[in-house]
Protein backbone atom coordinates (compact mmCIF):
# COMPACT_ATOMS: atom_id res chain seq x y z
CA MET A 1 -163.21 6.46 -37.05
CA PRO A 2 -165.82 5.28 -34.51
CA ASP A 3 -165.68 6.80 -31.02
CA TRP A 4 -165.09 3.47 -29.33
CA ASN A 5 -161.89 3.17 -31.19
CA HIS A 6 -160.64 6.52 -29.87
CA ASP A 7 -161.53 5.55 -26.35
CA ALA A 8 -159.61 2.31 -26.66
CA VAL A 9 -156.48 4.08 -27.95
CA ARG A 10 -156.68 6.67 -25.16
CA ARG A 11 -156.89 3.96 -22.51
CA GLU A 12 -153.93 2.14 -23.98
CA ASN A 13 -151.82 5.33 -23.98
CA LEU A 14 -152.78 6.07 -20.39
CA GLU A 15 -151.79 2.58 -19.28
CA ARG A 16 -148.44 2.86 -21.09
CA ALA A 17 -147.77 6.26 -19.54
CA GLN A 18 -148.56 4.86 -16.10
CA ALA A 19 -146.21 1.95 -16.68
CA ASN A 20 -143.39 4.26 -17.85
CA ALA A 21 -143.86 6.36 -14.73
CA ASP A 22 -143.49 3.29 -12.53
CA HIS A 23 -140.52 1.85 -14.54
CA PRO A 24 -138.72 4.59 -16.44
CA GLU A 25 -136.73 3.29 -19.44
CA GLN A 26 -133.05 4.14 -19.90
CA PRO A 27 -132.63 6.48 -22.79
CA SER A 28 -130.91 4.75 -25.64
CA VAL A 29 -127.62 6.19 -27.00
CA SER A 30 -127.81 6.63 -30.59
CA HIS A 31 -124.65 6.05 -32.69
CA PRO A 32 -122.91 9.33 -33.36
CA PHE A 33 -122.33 8.48 -36.96
CA GLN A 34 -125.63 8.86 -38.88
CA GLY A 35 -124.26 7.96 -42.25
CA ARG A 36 -122.01 11.07 -42.76
CA TRP A 37 -119.47 13.09 -40.65
CA THR A 38 -120.30 16.44 -39.33
CA ARG A 39 -117.75 19.26 -38.90
CA ARG A 40 -117.43 18.36 -35.22
CA HIS A 41 -116.58 14.75 -36.09
CA TRP A 42 -113.79 15.92 -38.42
CA ALA A 43 -112.26 18.18 -35.71
CA HIS A 44 -112.16 15.35 -33.14
CA ALA A 45 -110.56 12.99 -35.61
CA SER A 46 -107.88 15.57 -36.51
CA VAL A 47 -106.87 16.09 -32.84
CA LEU A 48 -106.74 12.34 -32.17
CA THR A 49 -104.56 11.69 -35.24
CA THR A 50 -102.08 14.42 -34.26
CA MET A 51 -101.70 12.96 -30.75
CA CYS A 52 -101.03 9.48 -32.14
CA VAL A 53 -98.32 10.80 -34.48
CA LEU A 54 -96.57 12.66 -31.63
CA LEU A 55 -96.66 9.62 -29.35
CA ALA A 56 -95.24 7.42 -32.09
CA ALA A 57 -92.28 9.82 -32.50
CA ILE A 58 -91.48 10.57 -28.83
CA VAL A 59 -91.92 7.25 -27.01
CA PRO A 60 -89.15 5.35 -28.92
CA GLY A 61 -86.66 8.17 -28.08
CA PHE A 62 -87.41 7.91 -24.36
CA SER A 63 -86.98 4.19 -24.59
CA THR A 64 -83.49 4.59 -26.12
CA VAL A 65 -82.38 7.06 -23.46
CA LEU A 66 -83.66 4.88 -20.64
CA ASP A 67 -81.94 1.86 -22.07
CA ALA A 68 -78.65 3.76 -22.44
CA SER A 69 -78.72 5.13 -18.88
CA GLY A 70 -79.59 1.76 -17.47
CA THR A 71 -76.74 -0.08 -19.16
CA ALA A 72 -74.05 2.62 -18.69
CA GLN A 73 -73.41 1.41 -15.15
CA VAL A 74 -72.49 -2.09 -16.18
CA GLN A 75 -70.84 -1.73 -19.56
CA ARG A 76 -66.99 -1.98 -19.59
CA MET A 77 -64.40 -1.61 -22.29
CA THR A 78 -61.88 -4.44 -22.18
CA LEU A 79 -58.39 -4.16 -23.68
CA SER A 80 -55.75 -6.85 -23.78
CA LEU A 81 -52.48 -5.39 -22.40
CA THR A 82 -49.16 -7.04 -21.66
CA LEU A 83 -48.17 -6.03 -18.11
CA PRO A 84 -44.77 -6.62 -16.47
CA LYS A 85 -44.63 -9.27 -13.78
CA PRO A 86 -44.60 -7.81 -10.26
CA SER A 87 -41.17 -7.91 -8.63
CA LEU A 88 -40.57 -10.28 -5.76
CA ARG A 89 -39.45 -7.42 -3.52
CA ALA A 90 -42.64 -5.42 -4.21
CA SER A 91 -44.91 -8.39 -3.61
CA LYS A 92 -43.22 -9.09 -0.29
CA ALA A 93 -43.10 -5.50 0.91
CA THR A 94 -46.41 -5.71 2.70
CA ASP A 95 -45.22 -8.81 4.58
CA ASP A 96 -41.95 -7.29 5.83
CA ASN A 97 -41.33 -7.54 9.56
CA TRP A 98 -37.93 -6.13 10.51
CA GLN A 99 -36.59 -6.77 14.02
CA SER A 100 -33.35 -5.22 15.28
CA VAL A 101 -30.95 -6.22 18.04
CA THR A 102 -27.71 -4.66 19.26
CA LEU A 103 -24.84 -7.05 19.88
CA LYS A 104 -24.02 -7.19 23.60
CA PRO A 105 -20.59 -7.91 25.09
CA GLY A 106 -19.93 -11.63 24.89
CA GLN A 107 -22.92 -12.28 22.62
CA THR A 108 -22.35 -14.29 19.45
CA LEU A 109 -24.23 -14.34 16.18
CA SER A 110 -25.50 -17.85 16.94
CA GLY A 111 -26.87 -16.53 20.24
CA VAL A 112 -28.74 -13.77 18.39
CA PHE A 113 -30.23 -16.31 15.93
CA GLU A 114 -31.28 -18.53 18.82
CA GLU A 115 -32.83 -15.61 20.69
CA LEU A 116 -34.95 -14.69 17.65
CA GLY A 117 -35.85 -18.29 16.86
CA ILE A 118 -34.11 -18.29 13.47
CA PRO A 119 -33.39 -21.80 12.10
CA TYR A 120 -29.80 -23.01 12.33
CA ASP A 121 -29.59 -23.71 8.60
CA GLN A 122 -30.04 -19.98 7.95
CA LEU A 123 -27.13 -19.26 10.30
CA ALA A 124 -24.98 -21.76 8.39
CA LYS A 125 -25.76 -19.99 5.11
CA VAL A 126 -24.71 -16.66 6.55
CA MET A 127 -21.52 -17.98 8.14
CA GLN A 128 -20.41 -19.62 4.87
CA HIS A 129 -21.00 -16.58 2.65
CA PRO A 130 -17.54 -15.79 1.20
CA LYS A 131 -17.89 -12.00 1.36
CA ILE A 132 -19.64 -11.80 4.71
CA LYS A 133 -17.71 -14.43 6.64
CA PRO A 134 -14.65 -12.18 7.32
CA THR A 135 -16.90 -9.32 8.41
CA LEU A 136 -18.88 -11.48 10.84
CA ARG A 137 -15.67 -12.50 12.56
CA LYS A 138 -14.97 -8.83 13.36
CA LEU A 139 -18.34 -8.08 14.94
CA ARG A 140 -18.02 -5.98 18.07
CA PRO A 141 -20.43 -5.08 20.88
CA GLY A 142 -22.70 -2.28 19.73
CA THR A 143 -23.13 -3.57 16.18
CA ALA A 144 -26.77 -3.32 15.09
CA LEU A 145 -28.22 -6.42 13.39
CA SER A 146 -31.65 -6.39 11.72
CA PHE A 147 -33.67 -9.38 10.49
CA ASN A 148 -36.68 -9.50 8.19
CA LEU A 149 -38.89 -12.16 9.77
CA PRO A 150 -42.27 -12.55 8.00
CA ALA A 151 -45.25 -14.23 9.63
CA ASP A 152 -44.55 -17.64 8.08
CA GLY A 153 -41.53 -18.15 10.35
CA SER A 154 -38.88 -17.91 7.65
CA VAL A 155 -35.98 -15.49 7.38
CA ARG A 156 -36.24 -13.20 4.40
CA ALA A 157 -33.19 -10.98 4.92
CA MET A 158 -30.50 -9.92 7.36
CA ARG A 159 -28.87 -6.51 7.62
CA LEU A 160 -25.61 -5.52 9.28
CA GLU A 161 -25.80 -1.84 10.20
CA ALA A 162 -22.68 0.31 10.10
CA GLY A 163 -21.00 0.15 13.47
CA PRO A 164 -17.89 -1.01 15.33
CA GLY A 165 -16.06 -3.61 13.29
CA VAL A 166 -18.34 -3.15 10.26
CA GLY A 167 -17.83 -1.00 7.17
CA GLU A 168 -19.50 2.38 6.79
CA THR A 169 -22.10 0.97 4.40
CA PRO A 170 -24.67 -1.46 5.87
CA ILE A 171 -24.87 -4.84 4.15
CA GLU A 172 -28.13 -6.69 3.51
CA LEU A 173 -28.28 -10.45 2.86
CA GLU A 174 -31.47 -11.66 1.18
CA PHE A 175 -32.41 -15.35 1.42
CA ASN A 176 -33.97 -16.69 -1.78
CA GLY A 177 -34.53 -20.40 -1.56
CA THR A 178 -31.13 -22.02 -1.24
CA THR A 179 -29.23 -18.94 -2.42
CA LEU A 180 -28.01 -15.95 -0.47
CA ARG A 181 -27.85 -12.59 -2.24
CA GLU A 182 -25.84 -9.63 -0.95
CA ARG A 183 -26.51 -5.95 -1.57
CA ALA A 184 -25.24 -2.69 -0.13
CA VAL A 185 -27.85 -0.57 1.64
CA PRO A 186 -27.58 3.14 0.72
CA VAL A 187 -26.81 5.41 3.65
CA GLU A 188 -27.71 9.09 3.81
CA ILE A 189 -25.06 10.86 5.89
CA THR A 190 -25.39 14.51 6.91
CA THR A 191 -23.25 16.65 9.20
CA ARG A 192 -24.72 19.57 11.12
CA THR A 193 -23.05 22.18 13.30
CA VAL A 194 -25.32 22.66 16.31
CA VAL A 195 -25.36 24.61 19.57
CA LEU A 196 -26.34 22.70 22.70
CA THR A 197 -27.16 24.89 25.68
CA GLY A 198 -28.51 24.38 29.18
CA GLU A 199 -28.21 25.19 32.87
CA VAL A 200 -25.72 23.47 35.16
CA GLY A 201 -28.48 22.38 37.58
CA LYS A 202 -27.59 19.93 40.33
CA SER A 203 -25.02 18.19 38.12
CA LEU A 204 -23.13 19.54 35.12
CA PHE A 205 -22.57 16.02 33.85
CA ALA A 206 -26.22 14.99 34.10
CA SER A 207 -27.32 18.21 32.36
CA ALA A 208 -24.71 17.81 29.59
CA ARG A 209 -25.68 14.19 28.97
CA LYS A 210 -29.34 15.18 28.60
CA LEU A 211 -28.24 17.46 25.76
CA GLY A 212 -26.48 14.58 24.03
CA LEU A 213 -22.88 15.22 25.09
CA GLY A 214 -20.76 12.16 25.81
CA THR A 215 -17.76 11.47 28.01
CA ALA A 216 -15.31 12.72 25.38
CA GLN A 217 -16.99 16.13 25.14
CA LEU A 218 -17.31 16.42 28.94
CA ASN A 219 -13.62 15.65 29.37
CA GLN A 220 -12.80 18.35 26.83
CA LEU A 221 -14.76 20.93 28.80
CA THR A 222 -13.35 20.05 32.21
CA ASP A 223 -9.85 18.71 31.48
CA GLU A 224 -8.77 20.75 28.45
CA MET A 225 -10.77 23.92 27.83
CA PHE A 226 -11.63 25.35 31.26
CA LYS A 227 -9.42 23.38 33.64
CA TYR A 228 -7.31 26.49 34.36
CA ASP A 229 -10.17 28.93 34.87
CA ILE A 230 -13.04 27.00 36.49
CA ASP A 231 -13.04 24.81 39.57
CA PHE A 232 -15.82 22.44 38.55
CA ASP A 233 -16.23 21.28 42.14
CA SER A 234 -16.95 24.66 43.72
CA ASP A 235 -17.18 27.50 41.16
CA LEU A 236 -20.46 26.52 39.46
CA GLY A 237 -23.97 27.23 40.73
CA GLU A 238 -27.21 25.57 39.67
CA ASP A 239 -28.36 28.61 37.65
CA ASP A 240 -25.06 29.05 35.79
CA ARG A 241 -25.30 28.35 32.07
CA PHE A 242 -23.16 26.60 29.50
CA SER A 243 -23.25 26.28 25.71
CA VAL A 244 -21.21 24.14 23.35
CA VAL A 245 -20.79 24.08 19.56
CA VAL A 246 -20.29 20.62 18.04
CA ASP A 247 -20.58 18.86 14.71
CA GLN A 248 -23.10 16.02 14.70
CA THR A 249 -23.19 13.26 12.10
CA TRP A 250 -26.59 11.78 11.20
CA LYS A 251 -27.11 8.50 9.31
CA ASN A 252 -30.53 7.85 7.79
CA GLY A 253 -32.10 10.39 10.14
CA GLN A 254 -30.48 9.01 13.33
CA LEU A 255 -27.70 10.60 15.34
CA ALA A 256 -24.55 8.52 14.77
CA ASN A 257 -21.73 10.61 16.20
CA THR A 258 -20.98 13.85 18.03
CA GLY A 259 -17.61 15.39 17.27
CA PRO A 260 -15.23 17.33 19.53
CA VAL A 261 -16.29 20.60 21.11
CA LEU A 262 -15.49 23.43 18.69
CA ALA A 263 -16.44 26.25 21.04
CA ALA A 264 -17.92 26.57 24.51
CA THR A 265 -19.01 29.20 27.00
CA PHE A 266 -19.80 29.17 30.71
CA THR A 267 -21.66 32.01 32.38
CA VAL A 268 -20.38 31.94 35.97
CA ASP A 269 -21.65 34.60 38.38
CA GLY A 270 -22.79 36.59 35.35
CA LYS A 271 -19.30 36.56 33.82
CA LEU A 272 -18.80 34.96 30.43
CA LYS A 273 -15.91 32.51 30.05
CA SER A 274 -15.24 31.34 26.47
CA ALA A 275 -13.00 28.78 24.82
CA PHE A 276 -12.50 28.02 21.12
CA ARG A 277 -10.78 25.09 19.44
CA TYR A 278 -8.24 26.00 16.77
CA MET A 279 -5.63 23.91 14.92
CA ARG A 280 -2.14 25.38 15.35
CA ASP A 281 0.82 23.59 13.80
CA GLY A 282 -1.42 20.61 13.13
CA LYS A 283 -2.47 20.22 16.78
CA PRO A 284 -5.74 21.30 18.41
CA GLU A 285 -5.41 24.07 21.00
CA TYR A 286 -7.93 26.19 22.89
CA PHE A 287 -7.97 29.98 22.92
CA THR A 288 -9.83 32.97 24.31
CA PRO A 289 -11.84 35.13 21.84
CA ASP A 290 -8.84 37.45 21.38
CA GLY A 291 -6.46 34.62 20.46
CA ARG A 292 -4.70 34.02 23.80
CA SER A 293 -3.99 30.35 24.54
CA LEU A 294 -5.95 28.81 27.39
CA LYS A 295 -3.16 26.34 28.02
CA ARG A 296 -0.99 26.95 31.06
CA PRO A 297 2.38 25.41 31.89
CA PHE A 298 0.72 23.74 34.90
CA ILE A 299 -2.75 22.39 35.63
CA ARG A 300 -4.55 24.11 38.47
CA MET A 301 -5.78 20.77 39.81
CA PRO A 302 -3.86 17.56 38.94
CA ILE A 303 -6.85 15.50 40.03
CA PRO A 304 -10.32 16.05 38.56
CA TYR A 305 -13.43 16.80 40.60
CA ALA A 306 -11.69 16.77 43.99
CA ARG A 307 -12.03 19.08 46.98
CA ILE A 308 -9.28 20.76 48.95
CA THR A 309 -9.05 19.46 52.51
CA SER A 310 -5.80 21.09 53.55
CA GLY A 311 -4.10 24.19 52.14
CA PHE A 312 -0.53 25.42 51.98
CA GLY A 313 1.13 26.60 55.22
CA MET A 314 1.36 25.77 58.92
CA ARG A 315 -1.17 23.36 60.42
CA ASN A 316 -1.65 20.87 63.24
CA HIS A 317 -0.63 17.55 61.72
CA PRO A 318 -3.60 15.13 62.03
CA ILE A 319 -1.32 12.13 62.81
CA LEU A 320 1.76 13.60 64.50
CA GLY A 321 -0.41 15.90 66.64
CA ARG A 322 1.88 18.95 66.45
CA MET A 323 2.15 22.12 64.41
CA ARG A 324 4.02 21.52 61.22
CA GLY A 325 4.40 23.22 57.87
CA HIS A 326 2.20 21.73 55.19
CA MET A 327 4.22 22.26 52.05
CA GLY A 328 1.53 21.31 49.53
CA ILE A 329 -2.18 20.99 48.86
CA ASP A 330 -4.32 18.01 49.85
CA TYR A 331 -7.13 16.95 47.51
CA ALA A 332 -9.63 14.42 48.90
CA ALA A 333 -10.88 11.82 46.45
CA GLY A 334 -11.89 8.19 46.34
CA THR A 335 -9.29 5.46 46.17
CA GLY A 336 -8.35 4.75 42.56
CA THR A 337 -9.11 8.25 41.22
CA PRO A 338 -6.65 9.04 38.38
CA ILE A 339 -3.85 11.56 39.08
CA MET A 340 -2.56 13.63 36.15
CA ALA A 341 0.79 15.19 35.43
CA ALA A 342 0.52 18.92 36.15
CA GLY A 343 2.62 19.77 33.10
CA ASP A 344 4.89 18.35 30.43
CA ALA A 345 7.77 16.68 32.26
CA ARG A 346 10.34 13.91 32.65
CA VAL A 347 9.72 11.28 35.34
CA GLU A 348 12.38 11.77 38.03
CA PHE A 349 11.22 9.38 40.77
CA VAL A 350 8.73 6.51 41.12
CA GLY A 351 8.51 4.52 44.37
CA ARG A 352 8.11 4.59 48.13
CA LYS A 353 9.14 7.84 49.85
CA GLY A 354 8.77 7.98 53.64
CA GLY A 355 5.61 9.68 54.90
CA TYR A 356 4.54 10.39 51.33
CA GLY A 357 3.97 6.68 50.81
CA ASN A 358 3.87 5.77 47.12
CA ALA A 359 5.06 8.93 45.36
CA VAL A 360 6.01 10.29 41.94
CA ILE A 361 8.29 13.28 41.27
CA LEU A 362 8.21 14.99 37.87
CA ASN A 363 10.87 17.37 36.52
CA HIS A 364 9.38 20.13 34.33
CA GLY A 365 12.65 21.86 33.50
CA GLY A 366 13.86 25.28 34.58
CA GLY A 367 14.26 24.07 38.17
CA LYS A 368 10.52 23.28 38.53
CA THR A 369 9.39 19.95 40.01
CA THR A 370 6.11 18.54 41.29
CA LEU A 371 5.48 15.74 43.81
CA TYR A 372 2.42 13.50 44.10
CA GLY A 373 2.06 11.44 47.30
CA HIS A 374 -0.06 8.76 49.04
CA MET A 375 -0.80 6.91 45.79
CA SER A 376 -2.49 3.53 45.93
CA ARG A 377 -0.61 2.40 42.81
CA PHE A 378 1.38 3.80 39.92
CA ALA A 379 0.44 4.09 36.27
CA ASN A 380 2.61 2.46 33.61
CA ILE A 381 5.49 4.93 33.93
CA ARG A 382 9.24 4.64 34.56
CA VAL A 383 12.08 6.94 35.53
CA GLY A 384 13.39 8.96 32.59
CA GLN A 385 10.14 8.71 30.65
CA HIS A 386 8.66 11.89 29.18
CA VAL A 387 4.98 12.47 29.98
CA ALA A 388 2.57 15.06 28.59
CA GLN A 389 0.48 17.41 30.65
CA GLY A 390 -2.66 15.59 31.73
CA ALA A 391 -1.20 12.09 31.38
CA VAL A 392 -2.21 9.69 34.17
CA ILE A 393 0.79 8.92 36.40
CA GLY A 394 -0.93 7.13 39.31
CA TYR A 395 -4.06 6.70 41.40
CA VAL A 396 -5.33 8.11 44.71
CA GLY A 397 -4.67 6.11 47.84
CA SER A 398 -3.81 6.46 51.52
CA THR A 399 -0.27 5.06 51.74
CA GLY A 400 2.24 6.70 54.09
CA LEU A 401 1.09 9.16 56.78
CA ALA A 402 -2.53 9.58 55.70
CA THR A 403 -5.83 9.39 57.56
CA GLY A 404 -7.80 8.65 54.41
CA PRO A 405 -7.54 8.51 50.62
CA HIS A 406 -6.26 11.79 49.17
CA LEU A 407 -3.54 13.31 46.98
CA HIS A 408 -0.75 15.38 48.49
CA TYR A 409 0.53 17.72 45.75
CA GLU A 410 3.70 19.85 46.03
CA PHE A 411 5.28 22.43 43.72
CA ARG A 412 8.95 23.37 44.02
CA VAL A 413 11.16 25.91 42.23
CA ASN A 414 14.88 25.23 42.63
CA GLY A 415 14.07 23.08 45.65
CA VAL A 416 11.91 25.75 47.39
CA HIS A 417 8.28 24.85 48.15
CA MET A 418 5.73 27.18 46.51
CA ASN A 419 1.97 27.41 46.88
CA PRO A 420 0.60 25.69 43.73
CA LEU A 421 -2.57 27.79 43.80
CA LYS A 422 -0.63 31.07 43.65
CA MET A 423 1.90 30.20 40.98
CA THR A 424 1.76 32.52 37.96
CA LEU A 425 3.79 31.43 34.96
CA PRO A 426 3.87 32.96 31.45
CA PRO A 427 1.33 31.39 29.06
CA PRO A 428 2.16 30.11 25.56
CA THR A 429 2.56 32.54 22.67
CA PRO A 430 -0.79 33.98 21.48
CA LEU A 431 -2.05 33.76 17.89
CA SER A 432 -0.88 36.43 15.44
CA GLY A 433 -0.96 37.36 11.77
CA SER A 434 -3.07 35.26 9.39
CA ASP A 435 -3.77 32.70 12.13
CA LEU A 436 -5.32 35.40 14.30
CA MET A 437 -7.48 36.73 11.43
CA ALA A 438 -8.79 33.25 10.57
CA PHE A 439 -9.39 32.50 14.23
CA ARG A 440 -11.34 35.73 14.79
CA ASN A 441 -13.66 34.99 11.86
CA GLN A 442 -14.30 31.53 13.24
CA THR A 443 -14.83 32.86 16.76
CA HIS A 444 -17.27 35.54 15.62
CA ARG A 445 -19.54 33.04 13.88
CA ALA A 446 -19.47 30.64 16.84
CA LEU A 447 -20.33 33.39 19.35
CA ASP A 448 -23.21 34.58 17.17
CA LYS A 449 -24.60 31.05 17.06
CA ILE A 450 -24.31 30.64 20.82
CA ARG A 451 -25.92 34.00 21.51
CA GLU A 452 -28.79 33.31 19.10
CA VAL A 453 -29.61 29.99 20.75
CA GLU A 454 -29.27 31.36 24.27
CA ASP A 455 -31.62 34.22 23.43
CA VAL A 456 -34.24 31.67 22.42
CA VAL A 457 -33.69 29.22 25.27
CA PHE A 458 -33.14 31.64 28.12
CA GLN A 459 -34.94 34.69 26.67
CA LEU A 460 -31.94 36.85 27.36
CA ASP A 461 -30.93 40.13 25.81
CA ASP A 462 -27.50 40.61 24.32
CA ASP A 463 -26.31 42.76 27.21
CA ARG A 464 -26.75 40.01 29.78
CA VAL A 465 -24.74 37.53 27.72
CA ALA A 466 -21.89 39.81 26.69
CA SER A 467 -21.73 42.17 29.64
CA ALA A 468 -18.93 41.82 32.13
CA ALA A 469 -20.71 44.01 34.70
CA LYS A 470 -19.99 43.16 38.31
CA PRO A 471 -22.93 41.16 39.70
CA ALA A 472 -23.78 40.59 43.32
CA PRO A 473 -21.42 37.85 44.58
CA ARG A 474 -22.98 34.50 45.33
CA ASP A 475 -22.12 32.72 48.57
CA ARG A 476 -20.71 29.33 47.78
CA LYS A 477 -19.34 26.75 50.10
CA LYS A 478 -15.78 25.84 49.22
CA GLY A 479 -14.06 22.70 50.38
């Protein structure tokens, strides 16, 4: 080959090299497959195929799970069931609105309906009900009436609670359109024997009423059980205690009635005075714990809650102005205060009697008589009538020689004046035999109940309740 040819090729190569240096070319990627697979190619293909197979098997499973979890919240199973129709009473229960009123003296049923805004036509339905009409005519003050008055202004039902003039079972009248349906309301009645205890405080009556005792129980305490042993005007101090055992009747969880006092104690100057009710020969009597009757032939005070203003003996007469024997006891009290017979007796005299004014004389037999003077008026008694101890024979006044309203009380034996406060007469026969055994069992249980309650209320020990130790006397002002 000629030399010029070599020179030309060299120059061309140099120029191409220079151009490549100024503009480098991107290396070309050759296809990996050169007509046959190498061992490396087969390995890659095997791995890729395995991954594809696994993905094809797993991904549909995940899809099923996700679908199931997503639809579980909204899928419900529906069954066709035949259900009973809801009762009318159940559907109305949430709309009940009972209002109660207590019948006042002089108030009529129409007045109650008008007060509550109940339509007159509803009243007419009630008044014409054949079974209820006779009952409504016997309604008495204190009867509780309840009305179911829903928000729509209608009257759904009316209930007559057990009370004065009404049967023991309350009656409910339910209005249903133009009809009136009657039903008896079940009553849950329970009786409990309870001990009520407290301190006398400033007023025995106020303290007893706070405990739930009524007038009947208070009269038992003062006029029957302890009237011979306690002067309720002057003997009691504020820190003296009393306890009573009574039976209480509860209706539907509310106190309905408190029965007579079964047992009672007063702690006066640290000394325990007890009284227990016991039926002897079919009549209630009151006894000490050892069975001795608390009844005396004569009451210590024939007038309750009075104070002595003049005793028995010589005195300067407040009207005549000279010394004169006062042959009785004067008890000051307000005009109209009831005066009781001091003992069982026959009425010997009723009328005006000189300086005594309006007076009553009772004959108790055995030569014993009592006189009651200065009355404002007499009770419904007549000469020859037999009266029981404690019966009202007249009322306090200031007739005759009297400077103010009071009772002049005299006691005579065979015509001789005696001091009523110093008379000692034999008491009734005490209990014996089987009566005494039954009474002692009853007394023991009652005393245990009283002591248990007092220990809790007053935090006392047994010795202080039962002990008859002599305490320091308390100065009390006596009238």
